[in-house]
Structure formats: C-alpha cells, structure tokens
mmCIF file of all heavy atoms, coordinates in Angstrom:
data_MODEL
# 
_entry.id   MODEL 
# 
loop_
_atom_site.group_PDB 
_atom_site.id 
_atom_site.type_symbol 
_atom_site.label_atom_id 
_atom_site.label_alt_id 
_atom_site.label_comp_id 
_atom_site.label_asym_id 
_atom_site.label_entity_id 
_atom_site.label_seq_id 
_atom_site.pdbx_PDB_ins_code 
_atom_site.Cartn_x 
_atom_site.Cartn_y 
_atom_site.Cartn_z 
_atom_site.occupancy 
_atom_site.B_iso_or_equiv 
_atom_site.pdbx_formal_charge 
_atom_site.auth_seq_id 
_atom_site.auth_comp_id 
_atom_site.auth_asym_id 
_atom_site.auth_atom_id 
_atom_site.pdbx_PDB_model_num 
ATOM 1   N N   . ALA A 1 1  ? 0.792   -1.235  0.000   1.00 0.00 ? 1  ALA A N   1 
ATOM 2   C CA  . ALA A 1 1  ? 0.000   0.000   0.000   1.00 0.00 ? 1  ALA A CA  1 
ATOM 3   C C   . ALA A 1 1  ? 0.821   1.280   0.000   1.00 0.00 ? 1  ALA A C   1 
ATOM 4   O O   . ALA A 1 1  ? 0.252   2.372   -0.016  1.00 0.00 ? 1  ALA A O   1 
ATOM 5   C CB  . ALA A 1 1  ? -0.924  -0.003  1.216   1.00 0.00 ? 1  ALA A CB  1 
ATOM 6   N N   . SER A 1 2  ? 2.124   1.199   0.028   1.00 0.00 ? 2  SER A N   1 
ATOM 7   C CA  . SER A 1 2  ? 2.929   2.424   0.017   1.00 0.00 ? 2  SER A CA  1 
ATOM 8   C C   . SER A 1 2  ? 2.771   3.145   -1.312  1.00 0.00 ? 2  SER A C   1 
ATOM 9   O O   . SER A 1 2  ? 2.611   2.520   -2.361  1.00 0.00 ? 2  SER A O   1 
ATOM 10  C CB  . SER A 1 2  ? 4.407   2.083   0.250   1.00 0.00 ? 2  SER A CB  1 
ATOM 11  O OG  . SER A 1 2  ? 4.595   1.513   1.521   1.00 0.00 ? 2  SER A OG  1 
ATOM 12  N N   . CYS A 1 3  ? 2.842   4.473   -1.262  1.00 0.00 ? 3  CYS A N   1 
ATOM 13  C CA  . CYS A 1 3  ? 2.694   5.271   -2.478  1.00 0.00 ? 3  CYS A CA  1 
ATOM 14  C C   . CYS A 1 3  ? 3.920   5.115   -3.381  1.00 0.00 ? 3  CYS A C   1 
ATOM 15  O O   . CYS A 1 3  ? 5.014   4.828   -2.914  1.00 0.00 ? 3  CYS A O   1 
ATOM 16  C CB  . CYS A 1 3  ? 2.525   6.740   -2.128  1.00 0.00 ? 3  CYS A CB  1 
ATOM 17  S SG  . CYS A 1 3  ? 1.078   7.083   -1.113  1.00 0.00 ? 3  CYS A SG  1 
ATOM 18  N N   . GLN A 1 4  ? 3.688   5.333   -4.669  1.00 0.00 ? 4  GLN A N   1 
ATOM 19  C CA  . GLN A 1 4  ? 4.735   5.355   -5.685  1.00 0.00 ? 4  GLN A CA  1 
ATOM 20  C C   . GLN A 1 4  ? 5.571   4.070   -5.684  1.00 0.00 ? 4  GLN A C   1 
ATOM 21  O O   . GLN A 1 4  ? 6.791   4.101   -5.684  1.00 0.00 ? 4  GLN A O   1 
ATOM 22  C CB  . GLN A 1 4  ? 5.634   6.579   -5.511  1.00 0.00 ? 4  GLN A CB  1 
ATOM 23  C CG  . GLN A 1 4  ? 4.900   7.886   -5.777  1.00 0.00 ? 4  GLN A CG  1 
ATOM 24  C CD  . GLN A 1 4  ? 5.822   9.074   -5.855  1.00 0.00 ? 4  GLN A CD  1 
ATOM 25  O OE1 . GLN A 1 4  ? 6.627   9.307   -4.938  1.00 0.00 ? 4  GLN A OE1 1 
ATOM 26  N NE2 . GLN A 1 4  ? 5.716   9.850   -6.934  1.00 0.00 ? 4  GLN A NE2 1 
ATOM 27  N N   . THR A 1 5  ? 4.874   2.944   -5.690  1.00 0.00 ? 5  THR A N   1 
ATOM 28  C CA  . THR A 1 5  ? 5.561   1.646   -5.726  1.00 0.00 ? 5  THR A CA  1 
ATOM 29  C C   . THR A 1 5  ? 5.257   0.870   -7.004  1.00 0.00 ? 5  THR A C   1 
ATOM 30  O O   . THR A 1 5  ? 5.662   -0.279  -7.127  1.00 0.00 ? 5  THR A O   1 
ATOM 31  C CB  . THR A 1 5  ? 5.157   0.792   -4.513  1.00 0.00 ? 5  THR A CB  1 
ATOM 32  O OG1 . THR A 1 5  ? 3.729   0.673   -4.456  1.00 0.00 ? 5  THR A OG1 1 
ATOM 33  C CG2 . THR A 1 5  ? 5.670   1.385   -3.219  1.00 0.00 ? 5  THR A CG2 1 
ATOM 34  N N   . VAL A 1 6  ? 4.552   1.471   -7.966  1.00 0.00 ? 6  VAL A N   1 
ATOM 35  C CA  . VAL A 1 6  ? 4.217   0.776   -9.204  1.00 0.00 ? 6  VAL A CA  1 
ATOM 36  C C   . VAL A 1 6  ? 5.489   0.483   -9.995  1.00 0.00 ? 6  VAL A C   1 
ATOM 37  O O   . VAL A 1 6  ? 6.340   1.358   -10.178 1.00 0.00 ? 6  VAL A O   1 
ATOM 38  C CB  . VAL A 1 6  ? 3.230   1.592   -10.054 1.00 0.00 ? 6  VAL A CB  1 
ATOM 39  C CG1 . VAL A 1 6  ? 2.996   0.953   -11.415 1.00 0.00 ? 6  VAL A CG1 1 
ATOM 40  C CG2 . VAL A 1 6  ? 1.902   1.737   -9.309  1.00 0.00 ? 6  VAL A CG2 1 
ATOM 41  N N   . ALA A 1 7  ? 5.617   -0.750  -10.445 1.00 0.00 ? 7  ALA A N   1 
ATOM 42  C CA  . ALA A 1 7  ? 6.810   -1.183  -11.172 1.00 0.00 ? 7  ALA A CA  1 
ATOM 43  C C   . ALA A 1 7  ? 6.816   -0.607  -12.587 1.00 0.00 ? 7  ALA A C   1 
ATOM 44  O O   . ALA A 1 7  ? 5.830   -0.073  -13.080 1.00 0.00 ? 7  ALA A O   1 
ATOM 45  C CB  . ALA A 1 7  ? 6.853   -2.713  -11.224 1.00 0.00 ? 7  ALA A CB  1 
ATOM 46  N N   . PHE A 1 8  ? 7.954   -0.744  -13.235 1.00 0.00 ? 8  PHE A N   1 
ATOM 47  C CA  . PHE A 1 8  ? 8.106   -0.320  -14.627 1.00 0.00 ? 8  PHE A CA  1 
ATOM 48  C C   . PHE A 1 8  ? 8.173   -1.566  -15.510 1.00 0.00 ? 8  PHE A C   1 
ATOM 49  O O   . PHE A 1 8  ? 8.757   -2.557  -15.118 1.00 0.00 ? 8  PHE A O   1 
ATOM 50  C CB  . PHE A 1 8  ? 9.385   0.503   -14.787 1.00 0.00 ? 8  PHE A CB  1 
ATOM 51  C CG  . PHE A 1 8  ? 9.321   1.826   -14.086 1.00 0.00 ? 8  PHE A CG  1 
ATOM 52  C CD1 . PHE A 1 8  ? 9.701   1.949   -12.759 1.00 0.00 ? 8  PHE A CD1 1 
ATOM 53  C CD2 . PHE A 1 8  ? 8.857   2.948   -14.757 1.00 0.00 ? 8  PHE A CD2 1 
ATOM 54  C CE1 . PHE A 1 8  ? 9.632   3.170   -12.108 1.00 0.00 ? 8  PHE A CE1 1 
ATOM 55  C CE2 . PHE A 1 8  ? 8.787   4.185   -14.112 1.00 0.00 ? 8  PHE A CE2 1 
ATOM 56  C CZ  . PHE A 1 8  ? 9.172   4.299   -12.789 1.00 0.00 ? 8  PHE A CZ  1 
ATOM 57  N N   . PRO A 1 9  ? 7.518   -1.573  -16.661 1.00 0.00 ? 9  PRO A N   1 
ATOM 58  C CA  . PRO A 1 9  ? 6.999   -0.435  -17.418 1.00 0.00 ? 9  PRO A CA  1 
ATOM 59  C C   . PRO A 1 9  ? 5.566   0.010   -17.062 1.00 0.00 ? 9  PRO A C   1 
ATOM 60  O O   . PRO A 1 9  ? 5.049   0.926   -17.695 1.00 0.00 ? 9  PRO A O   1 
ATOM 61  C CB  . PRO A 1 9  ? 7.021   -0.948  -18.859 1.00 0.00 ? 9  PRO A CB  1 
ATOM 62  C CG  . PRO A 1 9  ? 6.758   -2.405  -18.732 1.00 0.00 ? 9  PRO A CG  1 
ATOM 63  C CD  . PRO A 1 9  ? 7.479   -2.816  -17.467 1.00 0.00 ? 9  PRO A CD  1 
ATOM 64  N N   . ALA A 1 10 ? 4.906   -0.624  -16.083 1.00 0.00 ? 10 ALA A N   1 
ATOM 65  C CA  . ALA A 1 10 ? 3.517   -0.266  -15.768 1.00 0.00 ? 10 ALA A CA  1 
ATOM 66  C C   . ALA A 1 10 ? 3.372   1.197   -15.386 1.00 0.00 ? 10 ALA A C   1 
ATOM 67  O O   . ALA A 1 10 ? 2.320   1.797   -15.587 1.00 0.00 ? 10 ALA A O   1 
ATOM 68  C CB  . ALA A 1 10 ? 2.987   -1.155  -14.641 1.00 0.00 ? 10 ALA A CB  1 
ATOM 69  N N   . ALA A 1 11 ? 4.425   1.796   -14.829 1.00 0.00 ? 11 ALA A N   1 
ATOM 70  C CA  . ALA A 1 11 ? 4.354   3.181   -14.355 1.00 0.00 ? 11 ALA A CA  1 
ATOM 71  C C   . ALA A 1 11 ? 4.494   4.209   -15.468 1.00 0.00 ? 11 ALA A C   1 
ATOM 72  O O   . ALA A 1 11 ? 4.307   5.404   -15.222 1.00 0.00 ? 11 ALA A O   1 
ATOM 73  C CB  . ALA A 1 11 ? 5.433   3.425   -13.297 1.00 0.00 ? 11 ALA A CB  1 
ATOM 74  N N   . TYR A 1 12 ? 4.809   3.770   -16.691 1.00 0.00 ? 12 TYR A N   1 
ATOM 75  C CA  . TYR A 1 12 ? 4.976   4.726   -17.780 1.00 0.00 ? 12 TYR A CA  1 
ATOM 76  C C   . TYR A 1 12 ? 3.626   5.145   -18.361 1.00 0.00 ? 12 TYR A C   1 
ATOM 77  O O   . TYR A 1 12 ? 2.707   4.324   -18.473 1.00 0.00 ? 12 TYR A O   1 
ATOM 78  C CB  . TYR A 1 12 ? 5.820   4.126   -18.903 1.00 0.00 ? 12 TYR A CB  1 
ATOM 79  C CG  . TYR A 1 12 ? 7.264   3.902   -18.549 1.00 0.00 ? 12 TYR A CG  1 
ATOM 80  C CD1 . TYR A 1 12 ? 7.861   2.663   -18.733 1.00 0.00 ? 12 TYR A CD1 1 
ATOM 81  C CD2 . TYR A 1 12 ? 8.043   4.934   -18.027 1.00 0.00 ? 12 TYR A CD2 1 
ATOM 82  C CE1 . TYR A 1 12 ? 9.193   2.444   -18.413 1.00 0.00 ? 12 TYR A CE1 1 
ATOM 83  C CE2 . TYR A 1 12 ? 9.373   4.726   -17.700 1.00 0.00 ? 12 TYR A CE2 1 
ATOM 84  C CZ  . TYR A 1 12 ? 9.942   3.485   -17.904 1.00 0.00 ? 12 TYR A CZ  1 
ATOM 85  O OH  . TYR A 1 12 ? 11.249  3.289   -17.563 1.00 0.00 ? 12 TYR A OH  1 
ATOM 86  N N   . PRO A 1 13 ? 3.491   6.412   -18.772 1.00 0.00 ? 13 PRO A N   1 
ATOM 87  C CA  . PRO A 1 13 ? 2.300   6.793   -19.529 1.00 0.00 ? 13 PRO A CA  1 
ATOM 88  C C   . PRO A 1 13 ? 2.281   6.045   -20.855 1.00 0.00 ? 13 PRO A C   1 
ATOM 89  O O   . PRO A 1 13 ? 3.334   5.730   -21.413 1.00 0.00 ? 13 PRO A O   1 
ATOM 90  C CB  . PRO A 1 13 ? 2.494   8.302   -19.751 1.00 0.00 ? 13 PRO A CB  1 
ATOM 91  C CG  . PRO A 1 13 ? 3.958   8.543   -19.598 1.00 0.00 ? 13 PRO A CG  1 
ATOM 92  C CD  . PRO A 1 13 ? 4.446   7.521   -18.610 1.00 0.00 ? 13 PRO A CD  1 
ATOM 93  N N   . GLY A 1 14 ? 1.095   5.728   -21.336 1.00 0.00 ? 14 GLY A N   1 
ATOM 94  C CA  . GLY A 1 14 ? 0.985   4.976   -22.578 1.00 0.00 ? 14 GLY A CA  1 
ATOM 95  C C   . GLY A 1 14 ? 1.055   3.482   -22.400 1.00 0.00 ? 14 GLY A C   1 
ATOM 96  O O   . GLY A 1 14 ? 0.937   2.726   -23.365 1.00 0.00 ? 14 GLY A O   1 
ATOM 97  N N   . VAL A 1 15 ? 1.261   3.031   -21.153 1.00 0.00 ? 15 VAL A N   1 
ATOM 98  C CA  . VAL A 1 15 ? 1.242   1.606   -20.816 1.00 0.00 ? 15 VAL A CA  1 
ATOM 99  C C   . VAL A 1 15 ? 0.069   1.358   -19.891 1.00 0.00 ? 15 VAL A C   1 
ATOM 100 O O   . VAL A 1 15 ? -0.138  2.112   -18.928 1.00 0.00 ? 15 VAL A O   1 
ATOM 101 C CB  . VAL A 1 15 ? 2.561   1.167   -20.132 1.00 0.00 ? 15 VAL A CB  1 
ATOM 102 C CG1 . VAL A 1 15 ? 2.489   -0.293  -19.703 1.00 0.00 ? 15 VAL A CG1 1 
ATOM 103 C CG2 . VAL A 1 15 ? 3.753   1.401   -21.061 1.00 0.00 ? 15 VAL A CG2 1 
ATOM 104 N N   . LEU A 1 16 ? -0.713  0.322   -20.150 1.00 0.00 ? 16 LEU A N   1 
ATOM 105 C CA  . LEU A 1 16 ? -1.835  -0.012  -19.274 1.00 0.00 ? 16 LEU A CA  1 
ATOM 106 C C   . LEU A 1 16 ? -1.312  -0.742  -18.041 1.00 0.00 ? 16 LEU A C   1 
ATOM 107 O O   . LEU A 1 16 ? -1.088  -1.953  -18.065 1.00 0.00 ? 16 LEU A O   1 
ATOM 108 C CB  . LEU A 1 16 ? -2.853  -0.885  -20.025 1.00 0.00 ? 16 LEU A CB  1 
ATOM 109 C CG  . LEU A 1 16 ? -3.934  -0.155  -20.805 1.00 0.00 ? 16 LEU A CG  1 
ATOM 110 C CD1 . LEU A 1 16 ? -4.751  -1.130  -21.648 1.00 0.00 ? 16 LEU A CD1 1 
ATOM 111 C CD2 . LEU A 1 16 ? -4.864  0.616   -19.856 1.00 0.00 ? 16 LEU A CD2 1 
ATOM 112 N N   . GLY A 1 17 ? -1.074  0.001   -16.962 1.00 0.00 ? 17 GLY A N   1 
ATOM 113 C CA  . GLY A 1 17 ? -0.637  -0.587  -15.708 1.00 0.00 ? 17 GLY A CA  1 
ATOM 114 C C   . GLY A 1 17 ? -1.828  -1.126  -14.934 1.00 0.00 ? 17 GLY A C   1 
ATOM 115 O O   . GLY A 1 17 ? -2.833  -0.432  -14.774 1.00 0.00 ? 17 GLY A O   1 
ATOM 116 N N   . VAL A 1 18 ? -1.722  -2.357  -14.439 1.00 0.00 ? 18 VAL A N   1 
ATOM 117 C CA  . VAL A 1 18 ? -2.875  -3.043  -13.851 1.00 0.00 ? 18 VAL A CA  1 
ATOM 118 C C   . VAL A 1 18 ? -2.599  -3.427  -12.403 1.00 0.00 ? 18 VAL A C   1 
ATOM 119 O O   . VAL A 1 18 ? -1.612  -4.110  -12.097 1.00 0.00 ? 18 VAL A O   1 
ATOM 120 C CB  . VAL A 1 18 ? -3.235  -4.314  -14.654 1.00 0.00 ? 18 VAL A CB  1 
ATOM 121 C CG1 . VAL A 1 18 ? -4.515  -4.942  -14.107 1.00 0.00 ? 18 VAL A CG1 1 
ATOM 122 C CG2 . VAL A 1 18 ? -3.379  -3.992  -16.138 1.00 0.00 ? 18 VAL A CG2 1 
ATOM 123 N N   . GLY A 1 19 ? -3.491  -2.982  -11.516 1.00 0.00 ? 19 GLY A N   1 
ATOM 124 C CA  . GLY A 1 19 ? -3.455  -3.371  -10.112 1.00 0.00 ? 19 GLY A CA  1 
ATOM 125 C C   . GLY A 1 19 ? -4.358  -4.567  -9.859  1.00 0.00 ? 19 GLY A C   1 
ATOM 126 O O   . GLY A 1 19 ? -5.070  -5.045  -10.747 1.00 0.00 ? 19 GLY A O   1 
ATOM 127 N N   . SER A 1 20 ? -4.342  -5.053  -8.616  1.00 0.00 ? 20 SER A N   1 
ATOM 128 C CA  . SER A 1 20 ? -5.027  -6.300  -8.260  1.00 0.00 ? 20 SER A CA  1 
ATOM 129 C C   . SER A 1 20 ? -6.252  -6.046  -7.389  1.00 0.00 ? 20 SER A C   1 
ATOM 130 O O   . SER A 1 20 ? -6.156  -5.419  -6.330  1.00 0.00 ? 20 SER A O   1 
ATOM 131 C CB  . SER A 1 20 ? -4.052  -7.227  -7.524  1.00 0.00 ? 20 SER A CB  1 
ATOM 132 O OG  . SER A 1 20 ? -4.711  -8.380  -7.049  1.00 0.00 ? 20 SER A OG  1 
ATOM 133 N N   . LEU A 1 21 ? -7.401  -6.549  -7.841  1.00 0.00 ? 21 LEU A N   1 
ATOM 134 C CA  . LEU A 1 21 ? -8.646  -6.528  -7.068  1.00 0.00 ? 21 LEU A CA  1 
ATOM 135 C C   . LEU A 1 21 ? -8.759  -7.836  -6.293  1.00 0.00 ? 21 LEU A C   1 
ATOM 136 O O   . LEU A 1 21 ? -8.588  -8.910  -6.860  1.00 0.00 ? 21 LEU A O   1 
ATOM 137 C CB  . LEU A 1 21 ? -9.847  -6.363  -8.004  1.00 0.00 ? 21 LEU A CB  1 
ATOM 138 C CG  . LEU A 1 21 ? -11.210 -6.229  -7.324  1.00 0.00 ? 21 LEU A CG  1 
ATOM 139 C CD1 . LEU A 1 21 ? -11.370 -4.834  -6.736  1.00 0.00 ? 21 LEU A CD1 1 
ATOM 140 C CD2 . LEU A 1 21 ? -12.333 -6.516  -8.325  1.00 0.00 ? 21 LEU A CD2 1 
ATOM 141 N N   . SER A 1 22 ? -9.067  -7.751  -5.000  1.00 0.00 ? 22 SER A N   1 
ATOM 142 C CA  . SER A 1 22 ? -9.189  -8.964  -4.197  1.00 0.00 ? 22 SER A CA  1 
ATOM 143 C C   . SER A 1 22 ? -10.546 -9.621  -4.404  1.00 0.00 ? 22 SER A C   1 
ATOM 144 O O   . SER A 1 22 ? -11.480 -9.027  -4.961  1.00 0.00 ? 22 SER A O   1 
ATOM 145 C CB  . SER A 1 22 ? -8.995  -8.648  -2.709  1.00 0.00 ? 22 SER A CB  1 
ATOM 146 O OG  . SER A 1 22 ? -10.194 -8.100  -2.172  1.00 0.00 ? 22 SER A OG  1 
ATOM 147 N N   . ILE A 1 23 ? -10.665 -10.841 -3.930  1.00 0.00 ? 23 ILE A N   1 
ATOM 148 C CA  . ILE A 1 23 ? -11.916 -11.576 -4.043  1.00 0.00 ? 23 ILE A CA  1 
ATOM 149 C C   . ILE A 1 23 ? -13.023 -10.931 -3.207  1.00 0.00 ? 23 ILE A C   1 
ATOM 150 O O   . ILE A 1 23 ? -14.208 -11.195 -3.416  1.00 0.00 ? 23 ILE A O   1 
ATOM 151 C CB  . ILE A 1 23 ? -11.695 -13.050 -3.634  1.00 0.00 ? 23 ILE A CB  1 
ATOM 152 C CG1 . ILE A 1 23 ? -12.808 -13.940 -4.188  1.00 0.00 ? 23 ILE A CG1 1 
ATOM 153 C CG2 . ILE A 1 23 ? -11.518 -13.188 -2.140  1.00 0.00 ? 23 ILE A CG2 1 
ATOM 154 C CD1 . ILE A 1 23 ? -12.523 -15.407 -4.070  1.00 0.00 ? 23 ILE A CD1 1 
ATOM 155 N N   . TYR A 1 24 ? -12.641 -10.049 -2.289  1.00 0.00 ? 24 TYR A N   1 
ATOM 156 C CA  . TYR A 1 24 ? -13.613 -9.321  -1.474  1.00 0.00 ? 24 TYR A CA  1 
ATOM 157 C C   . TYR A 1 24 ? -14.012 -7.989  -2.119  1.00 0.00 ? 24 TYR A C   1 
ATOM 158 O O   . TYR A 1 24 ? -14.672 -7.164  -1.490  1.00 0.00 ? 24 TYR A O   1 
ATOM 159 C CB  . TYR A 1 24 ? -13.053 -9.085  -0.076  1.00 0.00 ? 24 TYR A CB  1 
ATOM 160 C CG  . TYR A 1 24 ? -12.784 -10.375 0.660   1.00 0.00 ? 24 TYR A CG  1 
ATOM 161 C CD1 . TYR A 1 24 ? -11.486 -10.814 0.864   1.00 0.00 ? 24 TYR A CD1 1 
ATOM 162 C CD2 . TYR A 1 24 ? -13.835 -11.166 1.121   1.00 0.00 ? 24 TYR A CD2 1 
ATOM 163 C CE1 . TYR A 1 24 ? -11.240 -12.012 1.530   1.00 0.00 ? 24 TYR A CE1 1 
ATOM 164 C CE2 . TYR A 1 24 ? -13.596 -12.357 1.778   1.00 0.00 ? 24 TYR A CE2 1 
ATOM 165 C CZ  . TYR A 1 24 ? -12.300 -12.780 1.980   1.00 0.00 ? 24 TYR A CZ  1 
ATOM 166 O OH  . TYR A 1 24 ? -12.063 -13.966 2.635   1.00 0.00 ? 24 TYR A OH  1 
ATOM 167 N N   . ASP A 1 25 ? -13.601 -7.772  -3.357  1.00 0.00 ? 25 ASP A N   1 
ATOM 168 C CA  . ASP A 1 25 ? -13.966 -6.596  -4.152  1.00 0.00 ? 25 ASP A CA  1 
ATOM 169 C C   . ASP A 1 25 ? -13.340 -5.312  -3.623  1.00 0.00 ? 25 ASP A C   1 
ATOM 170 O O   . ASP A 1 25 ? -13.901 -4.220  -3.786  1.00 0.00 ? 25 ASP A O   1 
ATOM 171 C CB  . ASP A 1 25 ? -15.489 -6.442  -4.258  1.00 0.00 ? 25 ASP A CB  1 
ATOM 172 C CG  . ASP A 1 25 ? -15.908 -5.886  -5.622  1.00 0.00 ? 25 ASP A CG  1 
ATOM 173 O OD1 . ASP A 1 25 ? -15.388 -6.387  -6.637  1.00 0.00 ? 25 ASP A OD1 1 
ATOM 174 O OD2 . ASP A 1 25 ? -16.718 -4.948  -5.657  1.00 0.00 ? 25 ASP A OD2 1 
# 
C-alpha cells in the first residue's frame, strides 16, 4: 500500500498498468 511503488513499465504513460482486485472486491 505504500505510495509510488508501481513497477516499470507499468508506471509509464501509454502503458496499461494493472493493479489487483481482491476476491472481497
């Protein structure tokens, strides 16, 4: 949950960076 931890290349503009939704929505 820490801020600014998105990996690269997901953090670049023009790349669809995808996070994870839990089974509890």
